[in-house]
Amino acid sequence: MLELEQPLIAEIAKIPELVKVYGMADFEDLTKAGKPTPCAFVIYDGYRVIEAHRQRRQARVETRWLVVLAVKSAARAADGGAARLAAAPLLAKILRAPIDWTPPAGYTPLTLETPPPPIFEAGSLLFPLAFATQHVV
């Protein structure tokens, strides 16, 4: 189920405005490591069983992925307006990339899902977008 992480990172990394695209292991170090922004993180967000066949010992599952855009702006840090302004054009590109992407064989095209809310703190904005795909295990 985790095999989509690297192909998704490679696809999102095609967006030239992003400094870098990281995997989920780097997300925890975002504030400590001071990663340059704008950047994005591809994060596995779990799975759910859609259909299970005990006799055939297989199941159709839906895996969920978050692509979290991170931007920082010291300008008007208190209200976050500058960070949101910087994020807007990037969000449009990040939104399209997984939807237009053709995943590896065995996976359905990614669909847009409801994400967790964005986080704004001290001039930094973390804006998640959520996507899902299905495959048989």
C-alpha atoms as a PDB file:
ATOM      1  CA  MET A   1       0.000   0.000   0.000  1.00  0.00           C
ATOM      2  CA  LEU A   2       2.948   2.322   0.502  1.00  0.00           C
ATOM      3  CA  GLU A   3       4.374   1.802  -2.972  1.00  0.00           C
ATOM      4  CA  LEU A   4       2.690   4.965  -4.295  1.00  0.00           C
ATOM      5  CA  GLU A   5       4.743   7.293  -2.079  1.00  0.00           C
ATOM      6  CA  GLN A   6       7.781   7.610  -4.358  1.00  0.00           C
ATOM      7  CA  PRO A   7       5.819   7.826  -7.652  1.00  0.00           C
ATOM      8  CA  LEU A   8       3.577  10.515  -6.106  1.00  0.00           C
ATOM      9  CA  ILE A   9       6.613  12.429  -4.857  1.00  0.00           C
ATOM     10  CA  ALA A  10       8.101  12.290  -8.364  1.00  0.00           C
ATOM     11  CA  GLU A  11       4.851  13.568  -9.906  1.00  0.00           C
ATOM     12  CA  ILE A  12       4.410  16.464  -7.455  1.00  0.00           C
ATOM     13  CA  ALA A  13       8.121  17.340  -7.842  1.00  0.00           C
ATOM     14  CA  LYS A  14       7.424  18.245 -11.493  1.00  0.00           C
ATOM     15  CA  ILE A  15       5.866  21.490 -10.222  1.00  0.00           C
ATOM     16  CA  PRO A  16       8.782  23.903 -10.750  1.00  0.00           C
ATOM     17  CA  GLU A  17       7.741  26.409  -8.072  1.00  0.00           C
ATOM     18  CA  LEU A  18       8.263  23.863  -5.293  1.00  0.00           C
ATOM     19  CA  VAL A  19      11.730  23.877  -3.733  1.00  0.00           C
ATOM     20  CA  LYS A  20      11.429  20.174  -2.868  1.00  0.00           C
ATOM     21  CA  VAL A  21       8.902  17.402  -2.267  1.00  0.00           C
ATOM     22  CA  TYR A  22       9.442  15.197   0.775  1.00  0.00           C
ATOM     23  CA  GLY A  23       8.026  11.902   2.013  1.00  0.00           C
ATOM     24  CA  MET A  24       6.093  11.327   5.189  1.00  0.00           C
ATOM     25  CA  ALA A  25       9.198  10.616   7.264  1.00  0.00           C
ATOM     26  CA  ASP A  26      10.349  14.218   6.751  1.00  0.00           C
ATOM     27  CA  PHE A  27       7.034  15.776   7.790  1.00  0.00           C
ATOM     28  CA  GLU A  28       7.688  15.411  11.518  1.00  0.00           C
ATOM     29  CA  ASP A  29      10.976  17.313  11.129  1.00  0.00           C
ATOM     30  CA  LEU A  30       9.418  20.267   9.297  1.00  0.00           C
ATOM     31  CA  THR A  31       9.644  22.775  12.126  1.00  0.00           C
ATOM     32  CA  LYS A  32      12.850  21.403  13.639  1.00  0.00           C
ATOM     33  CA  ALA A  33      14.790  21.093  10.392  1.00  0.00           C
ATOM     34  CA  GLY A  34      13.676  24.415   8.887  1.00  0.00           C
ATOM     35  CA  LYS A  35      12.965  23.016   5.432  1.00  0.00           C
ATOM     36  CA  PRO A  36      13.009  25.657   2.684  1.00  0.00           C
ATOM     37  CA  THR A  37       9.588  26.591   1.359  1.00  0.00           C
ATOM     38  CA  PRO A  38       7.497  26.395  -0.662  1.00  0.00           C
ATOM     39  CA  CYS A  39       7.695  22.641  -0.386  1.00  0.00           C
ATOM     40  CA  ALA A  40       5.276  19.747  -0.232  1.00  0.00           C
ATOM     41  CA  PHE A  41       4.986  16.486   1.664  1.00  0.00           C
ATOM     42  CA  VAL A  42       3.391  13.268   0.418  1.00  0.00           C
ATOM     43  CA  ILE A  43       1.899  11.433   3.389  1.00  0.00           C
ATOM     44  CA  TYR A  44       0.173   8.061   3.580  1.00  0.00           C
ATOM     45  CA  ASP A  45      -3.084   8.598   5.481  1.00  0.00           C
ATOM     46  CA  GLY A  46      -4.346   5.047   5.941  1.00  0.00           C
ATOM     47  CA  TYR A  47      -6.703   2.696   4.168  1.00  0.00           C
ATOM     48  CA  ARG A  48     -10.171   1.258   4.420  1.00  0.00           C
ATOM     49  CA  VAL A  49     -11.544  -2.042   3.163  1.00  0.00           C
ATOM     50  CA  ILE A  50     -14.134  -1.566   0.409  1.00  0.00           C
ATOM     51  CA  GLU A  51     -14.866  -5.222  -0.297  1.00  0.00           C
ATOM     52  CA  ALA A  52     -13.435  -8.469   1.087  1.00  0.00           C
ATOM     53  CA  HIS A  53     -13.626 -12.030  -0.271  1.00  0.00           C
ATOM     54  CA  ARG A  54     -12.616 -14.552   2.377  1.00  0.00           C
ATOM     55  CA  GLN A  55     -12.675 -17.550   0.048  1.00  0.00           C
ATOM     56  CA  ARG A  56     -10.437 -15.864  -2.518  1.00  0.00           C
ATOM     57  CA  ARG A  57      -8.348 -14.263   0.241  1.00  0.00           C
ATOM     58  CA  GLN A  58      -8.338 -10.860  -1.354  1.00  0.00           C
ATOM     59  CA  ALA A  59      -9.794  -7.461  -0.649  1.00  0.00           C
ATOM     60  CA  ARG A  60     -10.370  -4.217  -2.487  1.00  0.00           C
ATOM     61  CA  VAL A  61      -8.978  -1.386  -0.399  1.00  0.00           C
ATOM     62  CA  GLU A  62      -8.941   2.362  -0.728  1.00  0.00           C
ATOM     63  CA  THR A  63      -5.722   4.069   0.305  1.00  0.00           C
ATOM     64  CA  ARG A  64      -5.690   7.727   1.190  1.00  0.00           C
ATOM     65  CA  TRP A  65      -2.830  10.143   0.579  1.00  0.00           C
ATOM     66  CA  LEU A  66      -2.265  13.702   1.723  1.00  0.00           C
ATOM     67  CA  VAL A  67      -0.206  16.213  -0.190  1.00  0.00           C
ATOM     68  CA  VAL A  68       0.617  18.988   2.269  1.00  0.00           C
ATOM     69  CA  LEU A  69       1.837  22.308   0.905  1.00  0.00           C
ATOM     70  CA  ALA A  70       4.107  24.235   3.279  1.00  0.00           C
ATOM     71  CA  VAL A  71       4.670  27.959   2.737  1.00  0.00           C
ATOM     72  CA  LYS A  72       6.150  30.619   4.998  1.00  0.00           C
ATOM     73  CA  SER A  73       5.907  34.372   4.903  1.00  0.00           C
ATOM     74  CA  ALA A  74       7.169  36.863   7.439  1.00  0.00           C
ATOM     75  CA  ALA A  75       5.059  39.627   5.902  1.00  0.00           C
ATOM     76  CA  ARG A  76       1.891  40.217   7.930  1.00  0.00           C
ATOM     77  CA  ALA A  77       2.594  37.008   9.824  1.00  0.00           C
ATOM     78  CA  ALA A  78      -0.146  37.654  12.347  1.00  0.00           C
ATOM     79  CA  ASP A  79      -3.049  37.439   9.891  1.00  0.00           C
ATOM     80  CA  GLY A  80      -1.477  34.936   7.461  1.00  0.00           C
ATOM     81  CA  GLY A  81      -2.572  36.839   4.377  1.00  0.00           C
ATOM     82  CA  ALA A  82       0.836  36.720   2.678  1.00  0.00           C
ATOM     83  CA  ALA A  83       1.231  32.981   3.255  1.00  0.00           C
ATOM     84  CA  ARG A  84      -2.251  32.290   1.867  1.00  0.00           C
ATOM     85  CA  LEU A  85      -1.565  34.510  -1.142  1.00  0.00           C
ATOM     86  CA  ALA A  86       1.663  32.621  -1.853  1.00  0.00           C
ATOM     87  CA  ALA A  87      -0.115  29.265  -1.470  1.00  0.00           C
ATOM     88  CA  ALA A  88      -3.039  29.918  -3.829  1.00  0.00           C
ATOM     89  CA  PRO A  89      -1.367  29.341  -7.228  1.00  0.00           C
ATOM     90  CA  LEU A  90       0.618  26.379  -5.905  1.00  0.00           C
ATOM     91  CA  LEU A  91      -2.490  24.724  -4.492  1.00  0.00           C
ATOM     92  CA  ALA A  92      -4.140  24.844  -7.918  1.00  0.00           C
ATOM     93  CA  LYS A  93      -1.156  23.040  -9.460  1.00  0.00           C
ATOM     94  CA  ILE A  94      -0.859  20.501  -6.639  1.00  0.00           C
ATOM     95  CA  LEU A  95      -4.587  19.817  -6.886  1.00  0.00           C
ATOM     96  CA  ARG A  96      -4.357  18.958 -10.598  1.00  0.00           C
ATOM     97  CA  ALA A  97      -1.170  16.873 -10.499  1.00  0.00           C
ATOM     98  CA  PRO A  98      -2.494  13.714  -8.737  1.00  0.00           C
ATOM     99  CA  ILE A  99      -5.856  13.901 -10.502  1.00  0.00           C
ATOM    100  CA  ASP A 100      -4.220  14.093 -13.960  1.00  0.00           C
ATOM    101  CA  TRP A 101      -1.580  11.475 -13.060  1.00  0.00           C
ATOM    102  CA  THR A 102      -1.850   7.857 -14.175  1.00  0.00           C
ATOM    103  CA  PRO A 103      -0.881   5.623 -11.218  1.00  0.00           C
ATOM    104  CA  PRO A 104       0.937   2.303 -11.650  1.00  0.00           C
ATOM    105  CA  ALA A 105      -0.994  -0.737 -12.909  1.00  0.00           C
ATOM    106  CA  GLY A 106      -3.487  -2.099 -10.430  1.00  0.00           C
ATOM    107  CA  TYR A 107      -4.451   1.274  -8.947  1.00  0.00           C
ATOM    108  CA  THR A 108      -7.472   3.359  -9.912  1.00  0.00           C
ATOM    109  CA  PRO A 109      -6.983   7.037 -10.813  1.00  0.00           C
ATOM    110  CA  LEU A 110      -6.764   9.276  -7.757  1.00  0.00           C
ATOM    111  CA  THR A 111      -9.872  11.129  -6.652  1.00  0.00           C
ATOM    112  CA  LEU A 112     -10.104  14.254  -4.538  1.00  0.00           C
ATOM    113  CA  GLU A 113     -11.227  13.678  -0.935  1.00  0.00           C
ATOM    114  CA  THR A 114     -12.075  15.898   2.028  1.00  0.00           C
ATOM    115  CA  PRO A 115      -8.797  16.842   3.763  1.00  0.00           C
ATOM    116  CA  PRO A 116      -8.041  17.783   7.352  1.00  0.00           C
ATOM    117  CA  PRO A 117      -8.100  21.552   8.005  1.00  0.00           C
ATOM    118  CA  PRO A 118      -5.076  23.716   7.232  1.00  0.00           C
ATOM    119  CA  ILE A 119      -2.750  24.836  10.014  1.00  0.00           C
ATOM    120  CA  PHE A 120      -1.487  28.399  10.234  1.00  0.00           C
ATOM    121  CA  GLU A 121       1.073  29.349  12.826  1.00  0.00           C
ATOM    122  CA  ALA A 122       3.542  32.244  13.024  1.00  0.00           C
ATOM    123  CA  GLY A 123       3.694  32.946   9.305  1.00  0.00           C
ATOM    124  CA  SER A 124       3.735  29.284   8.238  1.00  0.00           C
ATOM    125  CA  LEU A 125       0.851  27.636   6.445  1.00  0.00           C
ATOM    126  CA  LEU A 126       0.413  23.858   6.119  1.00  0.00           C
ATOM    127  CA  PHE A 127      -2.361  23.214   3.638  1.00  0.00           C
ATOM    128  CA  PRO A 128      -3.336  19.557   3.058  1.00  0.00           C
ATOM    129  CA  LEU A 129      -5.060  18.156  -0.002  1.00  0.00           C
ATOM    130  CA  ALA A 130      -6.407  14.583   0.211  1.00  0.00           C
ATOM    131  CA  PHE A 131      -6.592  11.952  -2.529  1.00  0.00           C
ATOM    132  CA  ALA A 132      -7.716   8.334  -2.651  1.00  0.00           C
ATOM    133  CA  THR A 133      -7.122   5.353  -4.918  1.00  0.00           C
ATOM    134  CA  GLN A 134      -8.317   1.757  -4.881  1.00  0.00           C
ATOM    135  CA  HIS A 135      -6.507  -1.516  -5.535  1.00  0.00           C
ATOM    136  CA  VAL A 136      -6.791  -5.218  -4.738  1.00  0.00           C
ATOM    137  CA  VAL A 137      -4.611  -6.851  -2.086  1.00  0.00           C
END
